[in-house]
PDB file of N, CA and C in Angstrom:
ATOM      1  N   UNK A   1     -14.035  -1.695 -14.856  1.00  0.00           N
ATOM      2  CA  UNK A   1     -12.968  -1.601 -13.794  1.00  0.00           C
ATOM      3  C   UNK A   1     -12.968  -2.755 -12.401  1.00  0.00           C
ATOM      4  N   UNK A   2     -12.426  -3.467 -12.350  1.00  0.00           N
ATOM      5  CA  UNK A   2     -12.400  -4.281 -10.891  1.00  0.00           C
ATOM      6  C   UNK A   2     -11.963  -3.609  -9.785  1.00  0.00           C
ATOM      7  N   UNK A   3     -12.580  -3.707  -8.855  1.00  0.00           N
ATOM      8  CA  UNK A   3     -12.498  -2.693  -7.622  1.00  0.00           C
ATOM      9  C   UNK A   3     -11.906  -3.675  -6.693  1.00  0.00           C
ATOM     10  N   UNK A   4     -10.814  -4.360  -6.618  1.00  0.00           N
ATOM     11  CA  UNK A   4     -10.145  -5.562  -5.792  1.00  0.00           C
ATOM     12  C   UNK A   4      -9.580  -5.004  -4.374  1.00  0.00           C
ATOM     13  N   UNK A   5     -10.046  -5.420  -3.357  1.00  0.00           N
ATOM     14  CA  UNK A   5      -9.894  -5.188  -1.900  1.00  0.00           C
ATOM     15  C   UNK A   5      -8.683  -6.293  -1.559  1.00  0.00           C
ATOM     16  N   UNK A   6      -7.885  -5.839  -1.068  1.00  0.00           N
ATOM     17  CA  UNK A   6      -6.944  -6.605  -0.135  1.00  0.00           C
ATOM     18  C   UNK A   6      -6.652  -6.217   0.933  1.00  0.00           C
ATOM     19  N   UNK A   7      -6.191  -7.499   1.748  1.00  0.00           N
ATOM     20  CA  UNK A   7      -6.284  -7.213   3.316  1.00  0.00           C
ATOM     21  C   UNK A   7      -4.813  -6.363   3.829  1.00  0.00           C
ATOM     22  N   UNK A   8      -4.607  -6.250   5.143  1.00  0.00           N
ATOM     23  CA  UNK A   8      -3.304  -5.669   5.630  1.00  0.00           C
ATOM     24  C   UNK A   8      -2.311  -6.687   5.768  1.00  0.00           C
ATOM     25  N   UNK A   9      -2.860  -8.021   5.859  1.00  0.00           N
ATOM     26  CA  UNK A   9      -1.541  -9.171   5.763  1.00  0.00           C
ATOM     27  C   UNK A   9      -1.275  -8.986   4.449  1.00  0.00           C
ATOM     28  N   UNK A  10      -1.994  -9.159   3.606  1.00  0.00           N
ATOM     29  CA  UNK A  10      -1.769  -9.036   1.956  1.00  0.00           C
ATOM     30  C   UNK A  10      -0.936  -7.885   1.561  1.00  0.00           C
ATOM     31  N   UNK A  11      -1.339  -6.953   2.147  1.00  0.00           N
ATOM     32  CA  UNK A  11      -0.344  -5.420   1.835  1.00  0.00           C
ATOM     33  C   UNK A  11       1.145  -5.498   2.492  1.00  0.00           C
ATOM     34  N   UNK A  12       0.998  -6.086   3.727  1.00  0.00           N
ATOM     35  CA  UNK A  12       2.459  -5.943   4.523  1.00  0.00           C
ATOM     36  C   UNK A  12       3.404  -7.284   3.393  1.00  0.00           C
ATOM     37  N   UNK A  13       2.468  -8.130   3.013  1.00  0.00           N
ATOM     38  CA  UNK A  13       3.412  -9.190   2.367  1.00  0.00           C
ATOM     39  C   UNK A  13       3.806  -8.609   0.898  1.00  0.00           C
ATOM     40  N   UNK A  14       2.861  -7.933   0.036  1.00  0.00           N
ATOM     41  CA  UNK A  14       3.428  -7.091  -0.914  1.00  0.00           C
ATOM     42  C   UNK A  14       4.696  -6.139  -0.966  1.00  0.00           C
ATOM     43  N   UNK A  15       4.839  -5.678   0.524  1.00  0.00           N
ATOM     44  CA  UNK A  15       5.461  -4.477   0.855  1.00  0.00           C
ATOM     45  C   UNK A  15       6.870  -4.916   1.118  1.00  0.00           C
ATOM     46  N   UNK A  16       7.240  -6.574   0.874  1.00  0.00           N
ATOM     47  CA  UNK A  16       8.518  -7.167   1.290  1.00  0.00           C
ATOM     48  C   UNK A  16       8.111  -7.581   2.927  1.00  0.00           C
ATOM     49  N   UNK A  17       6.880  -7.765   3.093  1.00  0.00           N
ATOM     50  CA  UNK A  17       7.146  -8.362   4.610  1.00  0.00           C
ATOM     51  C   UNK A  17       7.070  -7.547   5.876  1.00  0.00           C
ATOM     52  N   UNK A  18       6.560  -6.142   5.266  1.00  0.00           N
ATOM     53  CA  UNK A  18       7.018  -5.154   6.789  1.00  0.00           C
ATOM     54  C   UNK A  18       5.807  -5.451   7.680  1.00  0.00           C
ATOM     55  N   UNK A  19       6.395  -4.540   8.945  1.00  0.00           N
ATOM     56  CA  UNK A  19       5.027  -5.073   9.941  1.00  0.00           C
ATOM     57  C   UNK A  19       3.858  -3.972   9.972  1.00  0.00           C
ATOM     58  N   UNK A  20       3.040  -4.060  10.771  1.00  0.00           N
ATOM     59  CA  UNK A  20       2.017  -3.447  10.726  1.00  0.00           C
ATOM     60  C   UNK A  20       2.283  -1.878  11.333  1.00  0.00           C
ATOM     61  N   UNK A  21       3.492  -2.155  12.458  1.00  0.00           N
ATOM     62  CA  UNK A  21       3.955  -0.545  12.547  1.00  0.00           C
ATOM     63  C   UNK A  21       4.288  -0.174  11.460  1.00  0.00           C
ATOM     64  N   UNK A  22       4.971  -0.534  10.508  1.00  0.00           N
ATOM     65  CA  UNK A  22       5.590   0.078   9.434  1.00  0.00           C
ATOM     66  C   UNK A  22       4.549   0.797   8.569  1.00  0.00           C
ATOM     67  N   UNK A  23       3.409   0.008   8.262  1.00  0.00           N
ATOM     68  CA  UNK A  23       2.047   0.450   7.913  1.00  0.00           C
ATOM     69  C   UNK A  23       1.666   1.498   8.555  1.00  0.00           C
ATOM     70  N   UNK A  24       1.540   1.662   9.715  1.00  0.00           N
ATOM     71  CA  UNK A  24       0.695   2.585  10.513  1.00  0.00           C
ATOM     72  C   UNK A  24       1.648   4.002  10.031  1.00  0.00           C
ATOM     73  N   UNK A  25       3.030   3.841  10.112  1.00  0.00           N
ATOM     74  CA  UNK A  25       4.133   4.953  10.267  1.00  0.00           C
ATOM     75  C   UNK A  25       3.698   5.246   8.997  1.00  0.00           C
ATOM     76  N   UNK A  26       3.802   4.427   7.964  1.00  0.00           N
ATOM     77  CA  UNK A  26       3.622   4.987   6.610  1.00  0.00           C
ATOM     78  C   UNK A  26       2.495   5.681   6.234  1.00  0.00           C
ATOM     79  N   UNK A  27       1.128   5.578   6.846  1.00  0.00           N
ATOM     80  CA  UNK A  27       0.040   6.132   6.876  1.00  0.00           C
ATOM     81  C   UNK A  27       0.113   7.213   7.344  1.00  0.00           C
ATOM     82  N   UNK A  28       0.691   7.634   8.373  1.00  0.00           N
ATOM     83  CA  UNK A  28       1.125   8.783   9.032  1.00  0.00           C
ATOM     84  C   UNK A  28       2.357   9.780   8.894  1.00  0.00           C
ATOM     85  N   UNK A  29       2.696   9.258   7.695  1.00  0.00           N
ATOM     86  CA  UNK A  29       3.748  10.052   7.005  1.00  0.00           C
ATOM     87  C   UNK A  29       3.318  10.606   5.284  1.00  0.00           C
ATOM     88  N   UNK A  30       2.760  11.828   5.502  1.00  0.00           N
ATOM     89  CA  UNK A  30       2.109  12.241   4.329  1.00  0.00           C
ATOM     90  C   UNK A  30       2.953  12.409   3.217  1.00  0.00           C
ATOM     91  N   UNK A  31       4.323  11.988   3.523  1.00  0.00           N
ATOM     92  CA  UNK A  31       5.763  12.387   2.193  1.00  0.00           C
ATOM     93  C   UNK A  31       5.625  11.137   1.703  1.00  0.00           C
ATOM     94  N   UNK A  32       5.040  10.089   2.167  1.00  0.00           N
ATOM     95  CA  UNK A  32       5.018   9.002   1.373  1.00  0.00           C
ATOM     96  C   UNK A  32       4.011   8.677   0.605  1.00  0.00           C
ATOM     97  N   UNK A  33       2.794   9.379   0.815  1.00  0.00           N
ATOM     98  CA  UNK A  33       1.818   9.293  -0.100  1.00  0.00           C
ATOM     99  C   UNK A  33       1.086   7.829  -0.455  1.00  0.00           C
ATOM    100  N   UNK A  34       1.234   7.157   0.825  1.00  0.00           N
ATOM    101  CA  UNK A  34       0.539   5.852   0.934  1.00  0.00           C
ATOM    102  C   UNK A  34      -0.800   5.603   0.866  1.00  0.00           C
ATOM    103  N   UNK A  35      -1.349   4.846   0.279  1.00  0.00           N
ATOM    104  CA  UNK A  35      -2.614   4.820  -0.613  1.00  0.00           C
ATOM    105  C   UNK A  35      -3.562   4.592   1.118  1.00  0.00           C
ATOM    106  N   UNK A  36      -4.768   5.360   1.346  1.00  0.00           N
ATOM    107  CA  UNK A  36      -5.656   5.219   2.490  1.00  0.00           C
ATOM    108  C   UNK A  36      -6.431   4.094   2.427  1.00  0.00           C
ATOM    109  N   UNK A  37      -6.284   3.246   3.478  1.00  0.00           N
ATOM    110  CA  UNK A  37      -7.460   2.225   3.303  1.00  0.00           C
ATOM    111  C   UNK A  37      -8.952   2.324   3.594  1.00  0.00           C
ATOM    112  N   UNK A  38      -9.488   1.506   2.947  1.00  0.00           N
ATOM    113  CA  UNK A  38     -11.149   1.425   3.365  1.00  0.00           C
ATOM    114  C   UNK A  38     -11.353   0.644   4.491  1.00  0.00           C
ATOM    115  N   UNK A  39     -12.210   1.169   5.504  1.00  0.00           N
ATOM    116  CA  UNK A  39     -12.366   0.393   6.466  1.00  0.00           C
ATOM    117  C   UNK A  39     -13.862  -0.202   6.183  1.00  0.00           C
ATOM    118  N   UNK A  40     -14.054  -1.256   6.471  1.00  0.00           N
ATOM    119  CA  UNK A  40     -15.146  -1.984   6.571  1.00  0.00           C
ATOM    120  C   UNK A  40     -15.129  -2.637   8.062  1.00  0.00           C
ATOM    121  N   UNK A  41     -16.410  -2.530   8.580  1.00  0.00           N
ATOM    122  CA  UNK A  41     -16.524  -2.777   9.984  1.00  0.00           C
ATOM    123  C   UNK A  41     -15.100  -3.141  10.662  1.00  0.00           C
ATOM    124  N   UNK A  42     -14.167  -1.926  10.532  1.00  0.00           N
ATOM    125  CA  UNK A  42     -12.900  -1.886  11.682  1.00  0.00           C
ATOM    126  C   UNK A  42     -11.960  -2.495  11.001  1.00  0.00           C
ATOM    127  N   UNK A  43     -11.938  -2.834   9.971  1.00  0.00           N
ATOM    128  CA  UNK A  43     -10.962  -3.784   9.172  1.00  0.00           C
ATOM    129  C   UNK A  43     -10.371  -2.879   8.608  1.00  0.00           C
ATOM    130  N   UNK A  44      -9.245  -3.290   7.990  1.00  0.00           N
ATOM    131  CA  UNK A  44      -8.560  -2.365   6.746  1.00  0.00           C
ATOM    132  C   UNK A  44      -8.331  -2.935   5.970  1.00  0.00           C
ATOM    133  N   UNK A  45      -8.600  -2.556   4.743  1.00  0.00           N
ATOM    134  CA  UNK A  45      -8.276  -3.006   3.089  1.00  0.00           C
ATOM    135  C   UNK A  45      -8.142  -1.964   2.185  1.00  0.00           C
ATOM    136  N   UNK A  46      -7.096  -2.295   1.632  1.00  0.00           N
ATOM    137  CA  UNK A  46      -6.333  -1.152   0.612  1.00  0.00           C
ATOM    138  C   UNK A  46      -7.288  -1.477  -1.039  1.00  0.00           C
ATOM    139  N   UNK A  47      -7.313  -1.077  -2.048  1.00  0.00           N
ATOM    140  CA  UNK A  47      -7.683  -0.620  -3.206  1.00  0.00           C
ATOM    141  C   UNK A  47      -6.489  -1.567  -4.131  1.00  0.00           C
ATOM    142  N   UNK A  48      -6.501  -2.720  -4.554  1.00  0.00           N
ATOM    143  CA  UNK A  48      -4.925  -3.414  -5.074  1.00  0.00           C
ATOM    144  C   UNK A  48      -4.402  -2.384  -6.212  1.00  0.00           C
ATOM    145  N   UNK A  49      -5.278  -1.700  -7.306  1.00  0.00           N
ATOM    146  CA  UNK A  49      -4.943  -0.584  -8.053  1.00  0.00           C
ATOM    147  C   UNK A  49      -4.235   0.297  -7.387  1.00  0.00           C
ATOM    148  N   UNK A  50      -4.425   0.761  -6.789  1.00  0.00           N
ATOM    149  CA  UNK A  50      -3.890   1.944  -5.629  1.00  0.00           C
ATOM    150  C   UNK A  50      -2.591   1.505  -5.067  1.00  0.00           C
ATOM    151  N   UNK A  51      -2.508   0.374  -4.757  1.00  0.00           N
ATOM    152  CA  UNK A  51      -1.189  -0.095  -3.838  1.00  0.00           C
ATOM    153  C   UNK A  51      -0.446  -0.456  -5.093  1.00  0.00           C
ATOM    154  N   UNK A  52      -0.588  -1.156  -6.124  1.00  0.00           N
ATOM    155  CA  UNK A  52       0.159  -1.320  -7.068  1.00  0.00           C
ATOM    156  C   UNK A  52       0.867  -0.093  -7.722  1.00  0.00           C
ATOM    157  N   UNK A  53       0.258   0.789  -8.305  1.00  0.00           N
ATOM    158  CA  UNK A  53       0.618   2.247  -8.169  1.00  0.00           C
ATOM    159  C   UNK A  53       1.405   2.956  -7.538  1.00  0.00           C
ATOM    160  N   UNK A  54       1.015   2.520  -6.175  1.00  0.00           N
ATOM    161  CA  UNK A  54       2.279   3.229  -5.094  1.00  0.00           C
ATOM    162  C   UNK A  54       3.502   2.534  -5.209  1.00  0.00           C
ATOM    163  N   UNK A  55       3.435   1.117  -5.605  1.00  0.00           N
ATOM    164  CA  UNK A  55       4.555   0.332  -5.321  1.00  0.00           C
ATOM    165  C   UNK A  55       5.304   0.599  -6.416  1.00  0.00           C
ATOM    166  N   UNK A  56       4.955   0.533  -7.844  1.00  0.00           N
ATOM    167  CA  UNK A  56       5.529   1.060  -9.265  1.00  0.00           C
ATOM    168  C   UNK A  56       5.919   2.489  -9.082  1.00  0.00           C
ATOM    169  N   UNK A  57       5.717   3.530  -8.487  1.00  0.00           N
ATOM    170  CA  UNK A  57       6.297   4.630  -8.018  1.00  0.00           C
ATOM    171  C   UNK A  57       7.273   4.510  -6.996  1.00  0.00           C
ATOM    172  N   UNK A  58       7.422   3.774  -6.417  1.00  0.00           N
ATOM    173  CA  UNK A  58       8.643   3.592  -5.561  1.00  0.00           C
ATOM    174  C   UNK A  58      10.260   2.914  -6.185  1.00  0.00           C
ATOM    175  N   UNK A  59       9.392   2.406  -7.227  1.00  0.00           N
ATOM    176  CA  UNK A  59      10.755   1.695  -7.882  1.00  0.00           C
ATOM    177  C   UNK A  59      11.435   2.537  -9.014  1.00  0.00           C
ATOM    178  N   UNK A  60      12.208   2.774  -8.911  1.00  0.00           N
ATOM    179  CA  UNK A  60      13.123   3.802  -9.849  1.00  0.00           C
ATOM    180  C   UNK A  60      13.181   3.261 -11.056  1.00  0.00           C
ATOM    181  N   UNK A  61      13.171   4.385 -12.060  1.00  0.00           N
ATOM    182  CA  UNK A  61      12.848   3.958 -13.575  1.00  0.00           C
ATOM    183  C   UNK A  61      14.251   3.213 -13.876  1.00  0.00           C
ATOM    184  N   UNK A  62      14.020   2.270 -14.385  1.00  0.00           N
ATOM    185  CA  UNK A  62      15.321   1.506 -15.051  1.00  0.00           C
ATOM    186  C   UNK A  62      15.906   1.874 -15.846  1.00  0.00           C
ATOM    187  N   UNK A  63      15.344   2.497 -16.992  1.00  0.00           N
ATOM    188  CA  UNK A  63      15.827   3.113 -18.185  1.00  0.00           C
ATOM    189  C   UNK A  63      17.059   4.160 -17.751  1.00  0.00           C
ATOM    190  N   UNK A  64      16.814   4.822 -16.754  1.00  0.00           N
ATOM    191  CA  UNK A  64      17.969   6.223 -16.666  1.00  0.00           C
ATOM    192  C   UNK A  64      18.647   5.500 -15.808  1.00  0.00           C
ATOM    193  N   UNK A  65      18.983   4.244 -15.315  1.00  0.00           N
ATOM    194  CA  UNK A  65      20.053   3.669 -14.841  1.00  0.00           C
ATOM    195  C   UNK A  65      21.074   3.151 -15.557  1.00  0.00           C
TER     196      UNK A  65
END
């Protein structure tokens, strides 16, 4: 399994162009279940698979609509 890490800038783009402050709020809101970043020399990266799963969980099931 590939463990691709993506930068905070990429995460913000994938989440609709949200701000860094929004990422901070999501990380500090335990009810959001936003994936925790991996820190490499003070830079934040996210596991792409975890972020994809979180995004998928935010989208309502289209079959039930």
